Amino acid sequence: MSEQVQVLVAGAFPDRLNTNTALRRYLVEGFREVLGAAAVAEASLETLLPELQRHRPRLLLCLGSCPPEVVNYQPVRAACDALGTHLAFWLHDDPYEFDLAYSATDVADTVFSNDGWAVLHYDHPRAFHLPMAASGKAHARPWRDDKTRDVFFCGVAFANRIAIVRDLAPRLARCRSEILGTDWPAELPFAHNRRLANAELADACAASTVTLSLGRNLHFANRRYQLDPSTPGPRTFEAAMAGTVQLHFADSLEITDYFADGEGVLLFDDPSSFAAQLDALLADPGYARRIAEAGQARAMRDHTYARRAEVILQRCGMAVGTNAGLAVAAG
C-alpha cells in the first residue's frame, strides 16, 4: 500500500475501447502539479480495483464515458465504501451521452459534467459543471510567423459542420485552407479524410493563422431531454493553448465565459462575418498574433488541468493551495 497517494485518476471506460485516454494523462499531470507527483496515481478501468486496494486514496476520480452495457461500477462503489474513498466522476461527453449517465450517478458521491446546460438536468445532489481544459506541456506552442495555412479545422464531418463549411467554402477556397477528419464530402477540395493525433493537432493549430471552432450536433444517447450543447469541448482550450486565433461559430455564447472578446477567439454567425474577420486577420499578422497570444495567456492562467484539479479537490472536500479557478465550477 502507498500511504502517499491522495488521488487515484482512473478511466470510466475500458481503455481497449477508449480513444480519449490522453485526457486522463493530462488530468493526472494537472493533479500532480497541484499535489505533487507522489500524491497522484493513475489506473485504467481494467486495473482500477487492484490499484484502489493498493493505494487506498482519499479520492477516486473516474474520467470519461459510462455506458451501462459496458461498465458496472457497483464493485467500485463497494470498494470505496470499505476504504472510505470519495468516488467522483467527470463525464466528458455531455450532452451527447446524457441518457447513459445514470450508471455513474447511481454510485457517485460527486459528479462533474463537461456541459453547463446538461448539468442542470442531473438528478444528483452533488452535480457540478466543469468544462474541459488543455495541457500546457502537451499543447502550448510558441508563435510562428511562418504559417503554412490560413484556415484549419480537424474533426468528424457531422451534418451541422458540413453545412457550415459549405457556406464558408467560397471564402475558404480563396486562401490556404485545410479541413481534416473523417466523412468529409469529396465536393470540398480543401477537405481530406485523415485523422491527427492529439500532439499533431496542436502543431497544426500553431501552424495556422485561424482555426475553426465548430461544435457538433450528433447525439449518441440524448433522447430523454434532447439537450443542445452549451460548453465548448476540449479542442477549443487546446487550440487556444497552441496559439492560434479561433473563429468560433456562435451557436452558444457560453464561449465568452472562458475567453473575452479578442482573447484568442472571435465570433461569427454567417459567411459575411466570417469573411470580414478572416480578411482582417490575414491582412495584419500582428493583429492575429496579439489575439492568439492573449488567448494562450488566458488558457495558461485559467484553463489548464491543474486549475480543473483544484476545482475537483475543492468540490470533493480536499481543497489545497490557491483558489484560482474555483469560479469555473460554479457555472
Foldseek 3Di string as FASTA:
>chain_A
DQAQAAEEEEALAAPVPDPPVVLSVQLQVLVCVFRNNSHYHYYYPVCPPVVCVVHLHQEYEHEEDHAPVGDACPVVLVSCVVSNHAYEYEYADPPQALVRCCSVQVRHPAYEYQFPVSQVPDPHPHYWYDHAAAHLVQQADDADPQAPFAEEEEEEPAPVNLVQCVQQQVVQVVTRYAYEDPDHDVVRVRYDDDDDDPSVVSVNLNSYQEYEQEDHQNHNHNPPPSDDGAHGHHVVNSSLNSQHAYEYEPPHPCVCVQAPVLQSYDYDHGNVRVNVVSVVCVVDVVSSNSSSVSSNVSSVQAGGSNLSSQCVCVSSVNHDDDPHNVVSRVD
